[in-house]
Amino acid sequence: MPIHYIAELRERKLGAFEGKHTDVWHSAIEKSGLGKARFKPEGGESYVETKERVQRLLDALYKTYKGKTVLLVTHGGFIRMLLGILLKKPIEEAAELKPSNASVTIIEIGDVEHKIHQLNSVEHL
């Protein structure tokens, strides 16, 4: 199978907070008053922007591979927004999802509705 490396699958950019302890991140979010979904760190990306990136990629994949099986290997922030889009969750709720490391989610994407066959499974570990 061909492998395509796609920049849009990358993790959400945390900019100035890359590599910092989560307490520093959460404190900055609280001070901003914007909430987790809309907070954008300097040099980084907000969940709103991440969701827009995920939606663009999802639209392109659906157009190109409709009816075919596609495997995406990505990161938690991307997965949060992907599930938010597919499950029609508000961005604030999607930002709070907790995908497990190395988990597997299998989703059948349809024209109108989507079917989740497996969600956040770690049975293989």
PDB file of N, CA and C in Angstrom:
ATOM      1  N   MET A   1       0.842  -1.183   0.000  1.00  0.00           N
ATOM      2  CA  MET A   1       0.000   0.000   0.000  1.00  0.00           C
ATOM      3  C   MET A   1       0.888   1.248   0.000  1.00  0.00           C
ATOM      4  N   PRO A   2       0.505   2.234  -0.759  1.00  0.00           N
ATOM      5  CA  PRO A   2       1.287   3.480  -0.752  1.00  0.00           C
ATOM      6  C   PRO A   2       1.105   4.237   0.568  1.00  0.00           C
ATOM      7  N   ILE A   3       2.150   4.867   0.995  1.00  0.00           N
ATOM      8  CA  ILE A   3       2.115   5.689   2.208  1.00  0.00           C
ATOM      9  C   ILE A   3       2.280   7.140   1.786  1.00  0.00           C
ATOM     10  N   HIS A   4       1.399   7.992   2.293  1.00  0.00           N
ATOM     11  CA  HIS A   4       1.464   9.423   2.000  1.00  0.00           C
ATOM     12  C   HIS A   4       1.665  10.163   3.320  1.00  0.00           C
ATOM     13  N   TYR A   5       2.693  10.966   3.392  1.00  0.00           N
ATOM     14  CA  TYR A   5       2.925  11.788   4.572  1.00  0.00           C
ATOM     15  C   TYR A   5       2.234  13.121   4.331  1.00  0.00           C
ATOM     16  N   ILE A   6       1.301  13.455   5.200  1.00  0.00           N
ATOM     17  CA  ILE A   6       0.464  14.633   4.996  1.00  0.00           C
ATOM     18  C   ILE A   6       0.640  15.578   6.196  1.00  0.00           C
ATOM     19  N   ALA A   7       1.076  16.786   5.935  1.00  0.00           N
ATOM     20  CA  ALA A   7       1.320  17.760   7.004  1.00  0.00           C
ATOM     21  C   ALA A   7       0.060  18.051   7.812  1.00  0.00           C
ATOM     22  N   GLU A   8      -1.110  17.966   7.181  1.00  0.00           N
ATOM     23  CA  GLU A   8      -2.365  18.273   7.884  1.00  0.00           C
ATOM     24  C   GLU A   8      -2.667  17.299   9.021  1.00  0.00           C
ATOM     25  N   LEU A   9      -2.011  16.131   9.046  1.00  0.00           N
ATOM     26  CA  LEU A   9      -2.222  15.146  10.108  1.00  0.00           C
ATOM     27  C   LEU A   9      -1.386  15.439  11.360  1.00  0.00           C
ATOM     28  N   ARG A  10      -0.551  16.451  11.285  1.00  0.00           N
ATOM     29  CA  ARG A  10       0.331  16.742  12.415  1.00  0.00           C
ATOM     30  C   ARG A  10      -0.461  17.120  13.672  1.00  0.00           C
ATOM     31  N   GLU A  11       0.208  17.037  14.795  1.00  0.00           N
ATOM     32  CA  GLU A  11      -0.404  17.433  16.061  1.00  0.00           C
ATOM     33  C   GLU A  11      -0.616  18.941  16.070  1.00  0.00           C
ATOM     34  N   ARG A  12      -1.498  19.367  16.915  1.00  0.00           N
ATOM     35  CA  ARG A  12      -1.753  20.791  17.079  1.00  0.00           C
ATOM     36  C   ARG A  12      -0.475  21.488  17.553  1.00  0.00           C
ATOM     37  N   LYS A  13      -0.170  22.608  16.942  1.00  0.00           N
ATOM     38  CA  LYS A  13       1.042  23.349  17.304  1.00  0.00           C
ATOM     39  C   LYS A  13       0.789  24.146  18.583  1.00  0.00           C
ATOM     40  N   LEU A  14       1.629  23.920  19.572  1.00  0.00           N
ATOM     41  CA  LEU A  14       1.494  24.623  20.845  1.00  0.00           C
ATOM     42  C   LEU A  14       2.404  25.841  20.947  1.00  0.00           C
ATOM     43  N   GLY A  15       3.183  26.108  19.897  1.00  0.00           N
ATOM     44  CA  GLY A  15       4.004  27.311  19.855  1.00  0.00           C
ATOM     45  C   GLY A  15       4.893  27.475  21.067  1.00  0.00           C
ATOM     46  N   ALA A  16       4.743  28.596  21.766  1.00  0.00           N
ATOM     47  CA  ALA A  16       5.578  28.928  22.928  1.00  0.00           C
ATOM     48  C   ALA A  16       5.454  27.914  24.060  1.00  0.00           C
ATOM     49  N   PHE A  17       4.446  27.050  24.001  1.00  0.00           N
ATOM     50  CA  PHE A  17       4.234  26.089  25.084  1.00  0.00           C
ATOM     51  C   PHE A  17       4.739  24.689  24.756  1.00  0.00           C
ATOM     52  N   GLU A  18       5.351  24.516  23.584  1.00  0.00           N
ATOM     53  CA  GLU A  18       5.909  23.208  23.224  1.00  0.00           C
ATOM     54  C   GLU A  18       6.918  22.778  24.286  1.00  0.00           C
ATOM     55  N   GLY A  19       6.770  21.569  24.777  1.00  0.00           N
ATOM     56  CA  GLY A  19       7.709  21.019  25.744  1.00  0.00           C
ATOM     57  C   GLY A  19       7.544  21.507  27.167  1.00  0.00           C
ATOM     58  N   LYS A  20       6.590  22.400  27.414  1.00  0.00           N
ATOM     59  CA  LYS A  20       6.384  22.917  28.777  1.00  0.00           C
ATOM     60  C   LYS A  20       5.390  22.028  29.520  1.00  0.00           C
ATOM     61  N   HIS A  21       5.449  22.079  30.824  1.00  0.00           N
ATOM     62  CA  HIS A  21       4.535  21.308  31.669  1.00  0.00           C
ATOM     63  C   HIS A  21       3.096  21.774  31.454  1.00  0.00           C
ATOM     64  N   THR A  22       2.162  20.855  31.529  1.00  0.00           N
ATOM     65  CA  THR A  22       0.753  21.190  31.276  1.00  0.00           C
ATOM     66  C   THR A  22       0.202  22.224  32.248  1.00  0.00           C
ATOM     67  N   ASP A  23       0.768  22.322  33.445  1.00  0.00           N
ATOM     68  CA  ASP A  23       0.304  23.339  34.401  1.00  0.00           C
ATOM     69  C   ASP A  23       0.517  24.745  33.841  1.00  0.00           C
ATOM     70  N   VAL A  24       1.629  24.959  33.157  1.00  0.00           N
ATOM     71  CA  VAL A  24       1.933  26.261  32.556  1.00  0.00           C
ATOM     72  C   VAL A  24       0.916  26.562  31.471  1.00  0.00           C
ATOM     73  N   TRP A  25       0.612  25.559  30.659  1.00  0.00           N
ATOM     74  CA  TRP A  25      -0.367  25.665  29.574  1.00  0.00           C
ATOM     75  C   TRP A  25      -1.744  26.010  30.139  1.00  0.00           C
ATOM     76  N   HIS A  26      -2.206  25.249  31.131  1.00  0.00           N
ATOM     77  CA  HIS A  26      -3.534  25.474  31.705  1.00  0.00           C
ATOM     78  C   HIS A  26      -3.644  26.836  32.393  1.00  0.00           C
ATOM     79  N   SER A  27      -2.579  27.256  33.022  1.00  0.00           N
ATOM     80  CA  SER A  27      -2.565  28.572  33.667  1.00  0.00           C
ATOM     81  C   SER A  27      -2.718  29.682  32.623  1.00  0.00           C
ATOM     82  N   ALA A  28      -2.027  29.547  31.493  1.00  0.00           N
ATOM     83  CA  ALA A  28      -2.119  30.550  30.426  1.00  0.00           C
ATOM     84  C   ALA A  28      -3.524  30.584  29.828  1.00  0.00           C
ATOM     85  N   ILE A  29      -4.137  29.427  29.684  1.00  0.00           N
ATOM     86  CA  ILE A  29      -5.507  29.368  29.163  1.00  0.00           C
ATOM     87  C   ILE A  29      -6.452  30.093  30.115  1.00  0.00           C
ATOM     88  N   GLU A  30      -6.307  29.815  31.395  1.00  0.00           N
ATOM     89  CA  GLU A  30      -7.171  30.438  32.397  1.00  0.00           C
ATOM     90  C   GLU A  30      -6.994  31.955  32.400  1.00  0.00           C
ATOM     91  N   LYS A  31      -5.759  32.417  32.347  1.00  0.00           N
ATOM     92  CA  LYS A  31      -5.481  33.856  32.343  1.00  0.00           C
ATOM     93  C   LYS A  31      -6.034  34.546  31.101  1.00  0.00           C
ATOM     94  N   SER A  32      -6.064  33.822  29.984  1.00  0.00           N
ATOM     95  CA  SER A  32      -6.537  34.419  28.733  1.00  0.00           C
ATOM     96  C   SER A  32      -8.043  34.673  28.747  1.00  0.00           C
ATOM     97  N   GLY A  33      -8.784  33.875  29.513  1.00  0.00           N
ATOM     98  CA  GLY A  33     -10.237  33.998  29.548  1.00  0.00           C
ATOM     99  C   GLY A  33     -10.924  33.480  28.290  1.00  0.00           C
ATOM    100  N   LEU A  34     -10.173  32.858  27.391  1.00  0.00           N
ATOM    101  CA  LEU A  34     -10.721  32.390  26.118  1.00  0.00           C
ATOM    102  C   LEU A  34     -11.229  30.955  26.161  1.00  0.00           C
ATOM    103  N   GLY A  35     -10.769  30.203  27.136  1.00  0.00           N
ATOM    104  CA  GLY A  35     -11.126  28.793  27.192  1.00  0.00           C
ATOM    105  C   GLY A  35     -10.187  27.969  26.327  1.00  0.00           C
ATOM    106  N   LYS A  36     -10.192  26.674  26.573  1.00  0.00           N
ATOM    107  CA  LYS A  36      -9.277  25.747  25.909  1.00  0.00           C
ATOM    108  C   LYS A  36      -9.454  25.721  24.392  1.00  0.00           C
ATOM    109  N   ALA A  37     -10.676  25.800  23.916  1.00  0.00           N
ATOM    110  CA  ALA A  37     -10.949  25.668  22.481  1.00  0.00           C
ATOM    111  C   ALA A  37     -10.449  26.859  21.667  1.00  0.00           C
ATOM    112  N   ARG A  38     -10.531  28.054  22.240  1.00  0.00           N
ATOM    113  CA  ARG A  38     -10.206  29.252  21.464  1.00  0.00           C
ATOM    114  C   ARG A  38      -8.843  29.862  21.782  1.00  0.00           C
ATOM    115  N   PHE A  39      -8.201  29.378  22.831  1.00  0.00           N
ATOM    116  CA  PHE A  39      -6.878  29.890  23.198  1.00  0.00           C
ATOM    117  C   PHE A  39      -5.868  29.532  22.113  1.00  0.00           C
ATOM    118  N   LYS A  40      -5.121  30.559  21.663  1.00  0.00           N
ATOM    119  CA  LYS A  40      -4.085  30.356  20.648  1.00  0.00           C
ATOM    120  C   LYS A  40      -2.756  30.827  21.215  1.00  0.00           C
ATOM    121  N   PRO A  41      -1.848  29.888  21.459  1.00  0.00           N
ATOM    122  CA  PRO A  41      -0.545  30.298  21.988  1.00  0.00           C
ATOM    123  C   PRO A  41       0.274  31.010  20.917  1.00  0.00           C
ATOM    124  N   GLU A  42       1.174  31.871  21.355  1.00  0.00           N
ATOM    125  CA  GLU A  42       2.056  32.570  20.418  1.00  0.00           C
ATOM    126  C   GLU A  42       2.817  31.539  19.580  1.00  0.00           C
ATOM    127  N   GLY A  43       2.719  31.675  18.261  1.00  0.00           N
ATOM    128  CA  GLY A  43       3.386  30.742  17.357  1.00  0.00           C
ATOM    129  C   GLY A  43       2.688  29.398  17.235  1.00  0.00           C
ATOM    130  N   GLY A  44       1.493  29.293  17.809  1.00  0.00           N
ATOM    131  CA  GLY A  44       0.787  28.019  17.811  1.00  0.00           C
ATOM    132  C   GLY A  44      -0.539  28.074  17.091  1.00  0.00           C
ATOM    133  N   GLU A  45      -1.395  27.155  17.456  1.00  0.00           N
ATOM    134  CA  GLU A  45      -2.661  26.950  16.764  1.00  0.00           C
ATOM    135  C   GLU A  45      -3.767  26.723  17.803  1.00  0.00           C
ATOM    136  N   SER A  46      -4.893  27.362  17.625  1.00  0.00           N
ATOM    137  CA  SER A  46      -6.041  27.134  18.507  1.00  0.00           C
ATOM    138  C   SER A  46      -6.764  25.873  18.056  1.00  0.00           C
ATOM    139  N   TYR A  47      -7.629  25.347  18.919  1.00  0.00           N
ATOM    140  CA  TYR A  47      -8.445  24.202  18.512  1.00  0.00           C
ATOM    141  C   TYR A  47      -9.389  24.600  17.373  1.00  0.00           C
ATOM    142  N   VAL A  48      -9.815  25.846  17.340  1.00  0.00           N
ATOM    143  CA  VAL A  48     -10.664  26.322  16.238  1.00  0.00           C
ATOM    144  C   VAL A  48      -9.915  26.151  14.923  1.00  0.00           C
ATOM    145  N   GLU A  49      -8.646  26.567  14.885  1.00  0.00           N
ATOM    146  CA  GLU A  49      -7.835  26.425  13.678  1.00  0.00           C
ATOM    147  C   GLU A  49      -7.556  24.957  13.363  1.00  0.00           C
ATOM    148  N   THR A  50      -7.326  24.167  14.402  1.00  0.00           N
ATOM    149  CA  THR A  50      -7.100  22.737  14.197  1.00  0.00           C
ATOM    150  C   THR A  50      -8.336  22.099  13.581  1.00  0.00           C
ATOM    151  N   LYS A  51      -9.509  22.454  14.092  1.00  0.00           N
ATOM    152  CA  LYS A  51     -10.747  21.894  13.553  1.00  0.00           C
ATOM    153  C   LYS A  51     -10.919  22.268  12.082  1.00  0.00           C
ATOM    154  N   GLU A  52     -10.600  23.493  11.725  1.00  0.00           N
ATOM    155  CA  GLU A  52     -10.693  23.933  10.328  1.00  0.00           C
ATOM    156  C   GLU A  52      -9.742  23.119   9.445  1.00  0.00           C
ATOM    157  N   ARG A  53      -8.529  22.865   9.944  1.00  0.00           N
ATOM    158  CA  ARG A  53      -7.540  22.070   9.210  1.00  0.00           C
ATOM    159  C   ARG A  53      -8.033  20.635   9.029  1.00  0.00           C
ATOM    160  N   VAL A  54      -8.586  20.061  10.083  1.00  0.00           N
ATOM    161  CA  VAL A  54      -9.116  18.697  10.022  1.00  0.00           C
ATOM    162  C   VAL A  54     -10.270  18.627   9.022  1.00  0.00           C
ATOM    163  N   GLN A  55     -11.155  19.616   9.051  1.00  0.00           N
ATOM    164  CA  GLN A  55     -12.299  19.621   8.136  1.00  0.00           C
ATOM    165  C   GLN A  55     -11.849  19.697   6.680  1.00  0.00           C
ATOM    166  N   ARG A  56     -10.852  20.537   6.401  1.00  0.00           N
ATOM    167  CA  ARG A  56     -10.330  20.637   5.027  1.00  0.00           C
ATOM    168  C   ARG A  56      -9.760  19.300   4.554  1.00  0.00           C
ATOM    169  N   LEU A  57      -8.995  18.651   5.431  1.00  0.00           N
ATOM    170  CA  LEU A  57      -8.409  17.364   5.072  1.00  0.00           C
ATOM    171  C   LEU A  57      -9.496  16.307   4.910  1.00  0.00           C
ATOM    172  N   LEU A  58     -10.454  16.284   5.798  1.00  0.00           N
ATOM    173  CA  LEU A  58     -11.557  15.326   5.715  1.00  0.00           C
ATOM    174  C   LEU A  58     -12.318  15.496   4.402  1.00  0.00           C
ATOM    175  N   ASP A  59     -12.604  16.728   4.027  1.00  0.00           N
ATOM    176  CA  ASP A  59     -13.297  16.996   2.763  1.00  0.00           C
ATOM    177  C   ASP A  59     -12.479  16.492   1.569  1.00  0.00           C
ATOM    178  N   ALA A  60     -11.175  16.756   1.581  1.00  0.00           N
ATOM    179  CA  ALA A  60     -10.309  16.322   0.473  1.00  0.00           C
ATOM    180  C   ALA A  60     -10.214  14.802   0.410  1.00  0.00           C
ATOM    181  N   LEU A  61     -10.076  14.157   1.568  1.00  0.00           N
ATOM    182  CA  LEU A  61      -9.998  12.695   1.589  1.00  0.00           C
ATOM    183  C   LEU A  61     -11.299  12.070   1.105  1.00  0.00           C
ATOM    184  N   TYR A  62     -12.409  12.628   1.539  1.00  0.00           N
ATOM    185  CA  TYR A  62     -13.707  12.093   1.132  1.00  0.00           C
ATOM    186  C   TYR A  62     -13.894  12.226  -0.371  1.00  0.00           C
ATOM    187  N   LYS A  63     -13.503  13.348  -0.914  1.00  0.00           N
ATOM    188  CA  LYS A  63     -13.638  13.579  -2.359  1.00  0.00           C
ATOM    189  C   LYS A  63     -12.737  12.622  -3.151  1.00  0.00           C
ATOM    190  N   THR A  64     -11.527  12.416  -2.673  1.00  0.00           N
ATOM    191  CA  THR A  64     -10.547  11.597  -3.387  1.00  0.00           C
ATOM    192  C   THR A  64     -10.765  10.098  -3.186  1.00  0.00           C
ATOM    193  N   TYR A  65     -11.153   9.694  -1.975  1.00  0.00           N
ATOM    194  CA  TYR A  65     -11.194   8.271  -1.642  1.00  0.00           C
ATOM    195  C   TYR A  65     -12.588   7.756  -1.276  1.00  0.00           C
ATOM    196  N   LYS A  66     -13.615   8.443  -1.680  1.00  0.00           N
ATOM    197  CA  LYS A  66     -14.985   8.037  -1.356  1.00  0.00           C
ATOM    198  C   LYS A  66     -15.199   6.562  -1.698  1.00  0.00           C
ATOM    199  N   GLY A  67     -15.705   5.809  -0.714  1.00  0.00           N
ATOM    200  CA  GLY A  67     -15.981   4.390  -0.913  1.00  0.00           C
ATOM    201  C   GLY A  67     -14.775   3.485  -0.716  1.00  0.00           C
ATOM    202  N   LYS A  68     -13.616   4.061  -0.393  1.00  0.00           N
ATOM    203  CA  LYS A  68     -12.398   3.268  -0.199  1.00  0.00           C
ATOM    204  C   LYS A  68     -11.974   3.308   1.264  1.00  0.00           C
ATOM    205  N   THR A  69     -11.111   2.396   1.639  1.00  0.00           N
ATOM    206  CA  THR A  69     -10.587   2.352   2.993  1.00  0.00           C
ATOM    207  C   THR A  69      -9.318   3.190   3.073  1.00  0.00           C
ATOM    208  N   VAL A  70      -9.271   4.056   4.069  1.00  0.00           N
ATOM    209  CA  VAL A  70      -8.121   4.928   4.286  1.00  0.00           C
ATOM    210  C   VAL A  70      -7.702   4.803   5.751  1.00  0.00           C
ATOM    211  N   LEU A  71      -6.423   4.625   5.994  1.00  0.00           N
ATOM    212  CA  LEU A  71      -5.878   4.563   7.345  1.00  0.00           C
ATOM    213  C   LEU A  71      -5.189   5.888   7.640  1.00  0.00           C
ATOM    214  N   LEU A  72      -5.581   6.517   8.734  1.00  0.00           N
ATOM    215  CA  LEU A  72      -4.917   7.739   9.180  1.00  0.00           C
ATOM    216  C   LEU A  72      -4.164   7.428  10.466  1.00  0.00           C
ATOM    217  N   VAL A  73      -2.932   7.836  10.540  1.00  0.00           N
ATOM    218  CA  VAL A  73      -2.138   7.714  11.758  1.00  0.00           C
ATOM    219  C   VAL A  73      -1.801   9.140  12.156  1.00  0.00           C
ATOM    220  N   THR A  74      -2.269   9.544  13.337  1.00  0.00           N
ATOM    221  CA  THR A  74      -2.136  10.943  13.705  1.00  0.00           C
ATOM    222  C   THR A  74      -2.019  11.100  15.220  1.00  0.00           C
ATOM    223  N   HIS A  75      -2.379  12.266  15.716  1.00  0.00           N
ATOM    224  CA  HIS A  75      -2.170  12.630  17.120  1.00  0.00           C
ATOM    225  C   HIS A  75      -3.475  13.012  17.807  1.00  0.00           C
ATOM    226  N   GLY A  76      -3.404  13.122  19.129  1.00  0.00           N
ATOM    227  CA  GLY A  76      -4.579  13.373  19.952  1.00  0.00           C
ATOM    228  C   GLY A  76      -5.371  14.617  19.611  1.00  0.00           C
ATOM    229  N   GLY A  77      -4.700  15.741  19.403  1.00  0.00           N
ATOM    230  CA  GLY A  77      -5.421  16.980  19.079  1.00  0.00           C
ATOM    231  C   GLY A  77      -6.191  16.858  17.780  1.00  0.00           C
ATOM    232  N   PHE A  78      -5.565  16.227  16.788  1.00  0.00           N
ATOM    233  CA  PHE A  78      -6.223  15.995  15.506  1.00  0.00           C
ATOM    234  C   PHE A  78      -7.426  15.074  15.706  1.00  0.00           C
ATOM    235  N   ILE A  79      -7.227  13.995  16.468  1.00  0.00           N
ATOM    236  CA  ILE A  79      -8.300  13.024  16.699  1.00  0.00           C
ATOM    237  C   ILE A  79      -9.473  13.673  17.432  1.00  0.00           C
ATOM    238  N   ARG A  80      -9.188  14.524  18.407  1.00  0.00           N
ATOM    239  CA  ARG A  80     -10.261  15.228  19.125  1.00  0.00           C
ATOM    240  C   ARG A  80     -11.155  15.988  18.148  1.00  0.00           C
ATOM    241  N   MET A  81     -10.523  16.741  17.265  1.00  0.00           N
ATOM    242  CA  MET A  81     -11.305  17.554  16.329  1.00  0.00           C
ATOM    243  C   MET A  81     -11.985  16.697  15.261  1.00  0.00           C
ATOM    244  N   LEU A  82     -11.334  15.628  14.818  1.00  0.00           N
ATOM    245  CA  LEU A  82     -11.952  14.722  13.849  1.00  0.00           C
ATOM    246  C   LEU A  82     -13.216  14.102  14.443  1.00  0.00           C
ATOM    247  N   LEU A  83     -13.115  13.606  15.665  1.00  0.00           N
ATOM    248  CA  LEU A  83     -14.293  13.021  16.321  1.00  0.00           C
ATOM    249  C   LEU A  83     -15.357  14.082  16.563  1.00  0.00           C
ATOM    250  N   GLY A  84     -14.930  15.283  16.922  1.00  0.00           N
ATOM    251  CA  GLY A  84     -15.887  16.372  17.116  1.00  0.00           C
ATOM    252  C   GLY A  84     -16.692  16.653  15.857  1.00  0.00           C
ATOM    253  N   ILE A  85     -16.009  16.675  14.729  1.00  0.00           N
ATOM    254  CA  ILE A  85     -16.681  16.910  13.451  1.00  0.00           C
ATOM    255  C   ILE A  85     -17.640  15.766  13.143  1.00  0.00           C
ATOM    256  N   LEU A  86     -17.149  14.538  13.218  1.00  0.00           N
ATOM    257  CA  LEU A  86     -17.956  13.384  12.829  1.00  0.00           C
ATOM    258  C   LEU A  86     -19.125  13.118  13.776  1.00  0.00           C
ATOM    259  N   LEU A  87     -18.925  13.430  15.065  1.00  0.00           N
ATOM    260  CA  LEU A  87     -19.987  13.215  16.055  1.00  0.00           C
ATOM    261  C   LEU A  87     -20.828  14.468  16.287  1.00  0.00           C
ATOM    262  N   LYS A  88     -20.521  15.528  15.521  1.00  0.00           N
ATOM    263  CA  LYS A  88     -21.250  16.794  15.607  1.00  0.00           C
ATOM    264  C   LYS A  88     -21.266  17.363  17.026  1.00  0.00           C
ATOM    265  N   LYS A  89     -20.094  17.362  17.644  1.00  0.00           N
ATOM    266  CA  LYS A  89     -19.944  17.901  18.995  1.00  0.00           C
ATOM    267  C   LYS A  89     -19.456  19.346  18.919  1.00  0.00           C
ATOM    268  N   PRO A  90     -19.878  20.174  19.850  1.00  0.00           N
ATOM    269  CA  PRO A  90     -19.330  21.536  19.905  1.00  0.00           C
ATOM    270  C   PRO A  90     -17.820  21.461  20.125  1.00  0.00           C
ATOM    271  N   ILE A  91     -17.114  22.442  19.640  1.00  0.00           N
ATOM    272  CA  ILE A  91     -15.653  22.426  19.705  1.00  0.00           C
ATOM    273  C   ILE A  91     -15.151  22.321  21.150  1.00  0.00           C
ATOM    274  N   GLU A  92     -15.853  22.965  22.084  1.00  0.00           N
ATOM    275  CA  GLU A  92     -15.433  22.901  23.491  1.00  0.00           C
ATOM    276  C   GLU A  92     -15.517  21.473  24.021  1.00  0.00           C
ATOM    277  N   GLU A  93     -16.550  20.747  23.618  1.00  0.00           N
ATOM    278  CA  GLU A  93     -16.712  19.352  24.045  1.00  0.00           C
ATOM    279  C   GLU A  93     -15.671  18.459  23.355  1.00  0.00           C
ATOM    280  N   ALA A  94     -15.438  18.683  22.083  1.00  0.00           N
ATOM    281  CA  ALA A  94     -14.441  17.901  21.340  1.00  0.00           C
ATOM    282  C   ALA A  94     -13.046  18.099  21.941  1.00  0.00           C
ATOM    283  N   ALA A  95     -12.731  19.320  22.357  1.00  0.00           N
ATOM    284  CA  ALA A  95     -11.410  19.616  22.939  1.00  0.00           C
ATOM    285  C   ALA A  95     -11.173  18.848  24.230  1.00  0.00           C
ATOM    286  N   GLU A  96     -12.229  18.409  24.890  1.00  0.00           N
ATOM    287  CA  GLU A  96     -12.101  17.687  26.154  1.00  0.00           C
ATOM    288  C   GLU A  96     -12.036  16.165  25.980  1.00  0.00           C
ATOM    289  N   LEU A  97     -12.203  15.657  24.749  1.00  0.00           N
ATOM    290  CA  LEU A  97     -12.094  14.213  24.516  1.00  0.00           C
ATOM    291  C   LEU A  97     -10.690  13.751  24.870  1.00  0.00           C
ATOM    292  N   LYS A  98     -10.566  12.514  25.320  1.00  0.00           N
ATOM    293  CA  LYS A  98      -9.274  11.995  25.775  1.00  0.00           C
ATOM    294  C   LYS A  98      -8.900  10.709  25.019  1.00  0.00           C
ATOM    295  N   PRO A  99      -8.449  10.825  23.767  1.00  0.00           N
ATOM    296  CA  PRO A  99      -8.019   9.613  23.061  1.00  0.00           C
ATOM    297  C   PRO A  99      -6.771   9.038  23.723  1.00  0.00           C
ATOM    298  N   SER A 100      -6.747   7.730  23.916  1.00  0.00           N
ATOM    299  CA  SER A 100      -5.600   7.068  24.544  1.00  0.00           C
ATOM    300  C   SER A 100      -4.450   6.961  23.560  1.00  0.00           C
ATOM    301  N   ASN A 101      -3.224   6.974  24.078  1.00  0.00           N
ATOM    302  CA  ASN A 101      -2.052   6.794  23.218  1.00  0.00           C
ATOM    303  C   ASN A 101      -2.134   5.441  22.530  1.00  0.00           C
ATOM    304  N   ALA A 102      -1.837   5.405  21.249  1.00  0.00           N
ATOM    305  CA  ALA A 102      -1.806   4.193  20.422  1.00  0.00           C
ATOM    306  C   ALA A 102      -3.175   3.532  20.299  1.00  0.00           C
ATOM    307  N   SER A 103      -4.244   4.276  20.553  1.00  0.00           N
ATOM    308  CA  SER A 103      -5.591   3.708  20.431  1.00  0.00           C
ATOM    309  C   SER A 103      -6.002   3.619  18.969  1.00  0.00           C
ATOM    310  N   VAL A 104      -6.987   2.760  18.713  1.00  0.00           N
ATOM    311  CA  VAL A 104      -7.507   2.561  17.370  1.00  0.00           C
ATOM    312  C   VAL A 104      -8.969   2.975  17.345  1.00  0.00           C
ATOM    313  N   THR A 105      -9.326   3.785  16.366  1.00  0.00           N
ATOM    314  CA  THR A 105     -10.716   4.173  16.133  1.00  0.00           C
ATOM    315  C   THR A 105     -11.023   3.857  14.676  1.00  0.00           C
ATOM    316  N   ILE A 106     -12.119   3.155  14.456  1.00  0.00           N
ATOM    317  CA  ILE A 106     -12.527   2.794  13.097  1.00  0.00           C
ATOM    318  C   ILE A 106     -13.883   3.434  12.826  1.00  0.00           C
ATOM    319  N   ILE A 107     -13.924   4.282  11.800  1.00  0.00           N
ATOM    320  CA  ILE A 107     -15.136   5.031  11.464  1.00  0.00           C
ATOM    321  C   ILE A 107     -15.446   4.836   9.989  1.00  0.00           C
ATOM    322  N   GLU A 108     -16.689   4.505   9.715  1.00  0.00           N
ATOM    323  CA  GLU A 108     -17.165   4.421   8.338  1.00  0.00           C
ATOM    324  C   GLU A 108     -17.862   5.740   8.031  1.00  0.00           C
ATOM    325  N   ILE A 109     -17.314   6.480   7.087  1.00  0.00           N
ATOM    326  CA  ILE A 109     -17.829   7.807   6.788  1.00  0.00           C
ATOM    327  C   ILE A 109     -18.801   7.721   5.619  1.00  0.00           C
ATOM    328  N   GLY A 110     -20.012   8.197   5.863  1.00  0.00           N
ATOM    329  CA  GLY A 110     -21.039   8.191   4.832  1.00  0.00           C
ATOM    330  C   GLY A 110     -21.351   9.591   4.349  1.00  0.00           C
ATOM    331  N   ASP A 111     -22.231   9.685   3.362  1.00  0.00           N
ATOM    332  CA  ASP A 111     -22.618  10.982   2.821  1.00  0.00           C
ATOM    333  C   ASP A 111     -23.280  11.858   3.875  1.00  0.00           C
ATOM    334  N   VAL A 112     -24.122  11.261   4.700  1.00  0.00           N
ATOM    335  CA  VAL A 112     -24.864  12.017   5.705  1.00  0.00           C
ATOM    336  C   VAL A 112     -24.522  11.561   7.118  1.00  0.00           C
ATOM    337  N   GLU A 113     -24.478  10.251   7.324  1.00  0.00           N
ATOM    338  CA  GLU A 113     -24.216   9.705   8.657  1.00  0.00           C
ATOM    339  C   GLU A 113     -22.925   8.907   8.661  1.00  0.00           C
ATOM    340  N   HIS A 114     -22.360   8.764   9.829  1.00  0.00           N
ATOM    341  CA  HIS A 114     -21.119   8.031  10.001  1.00  0.00           C
ATOM    342  C   HIS A 114     -21.350   6.920  11.024  1.00  0.00           C
ATOM    343  N   LYS A 115     -20.675   5.803  10.842  1.00  0.00           N
ATOM    344  CA  LYS A 115     -20.818   4.679  11.762  1.00  0.00           C
ATOM    345  C   LYS A 115     -19.486   4.418  12.436  1.00  0.00           C
ATOM    346  N   ILE A 116     -19.489   4.420  13.754  1.00  0.00           N
ATOM    347  CA  ILE A 116     -18.273   4.128  14.507  1.00  0.00           C
ATOM    348  C   ILE A 116     -18.253   2.645  14.815  1.00  0.00           C
ATOM    349  N   HIS A 117     -17.244   1.952  14.295  1.00  0.00           N
ATOM    350  CA  HIS A 117     -17.098   0.517  14.525  1.00  0.00           C
ATOM    351  C   HIS A 117     -16.261   0.244  15.771  1.00  0.00           C
ATOM    352  N   GLN A 118     -15.321   1.122  16.045  1.00  0.00           N
ATOM    353  CA  GLN A 118     -14.439   0.969  17.197  1.00  0.00           C
ATOM    354  C   GLN A 118     -14.002   2.372  17.616  1.00  0.00           C
ATOM    355  N   LEU A 119     -14.032   2.631  18.914  1.00  0.00           N
ATOM    356  CA  LEU A 119     -13.687   3.967  19.420  1.00  0.00           C
ATOM    357  C   LEU A 119     -12.680   3.859  20.537  1.00  0.00           C
ATOM    358  N   ASN A 120     -11.510   4.448  20.314  1.00  0.00           N
ATOM    359  CA  ASN A 120     -10.480   4.550  21.351  1.00  0.00           C
ATOM    360  C   ASN A 120     -10.090   3.187  21.926  1.00  0.00           C
ATOM    361  N   SER A 121      -9.975   2.172  21.086  1.00  0.00           N
ATOM    362  CA  SER A 121      -9.659   0.818  21.535  1.00  0.00           C
ATOM    363  C   SER A 121      -8.166   0.682  21.783  1.00  0.00           C
ATOM    364  N   VAL A 122      -7.820   0.036  22.896  1.00  0.00           N
ATOM    365  CA  VAL A 122      -6.416  -0.266  23.209  1.00  0.00           C
ATOM    366  C   VAL A 122      -6.248  -1.765  23.426  1.00  0.00           C
ATOM    367  N   GLU A 123      -7.172  -2.555  22.923  1.00  0.00           N
ATOM    368  CA  GLU A 123      -7.129  -4.017  23.079  1.00  0.00           C
ATOM    369  C   GLU A 123      -5.857  -4.627  22.496  1.00  0.00           C
ATOM    370  N   HIS A 124      -5.283  -4.009  21.495  1.00  0.00           N
ATOM    371  CA  HIS A 124      -4.101  -4.532  20.822  1.00  0.00           C
ATOM    372  C   HIS A 124      -2.817  -4.349  21.638  1.00  0.00           C
ATOM    373  N   LEU A 125      -2.869  -3.553  22.675  1.00  0.00           N
ATOM    374  CA  LEU A 125      -1.645  -3.260  23.450  1.00  0.00           C
ATOM    375  C   LEU A 125      -1.346  -4.317  24.487  1.00  0.00           C
TER     376      LEU A 125
END
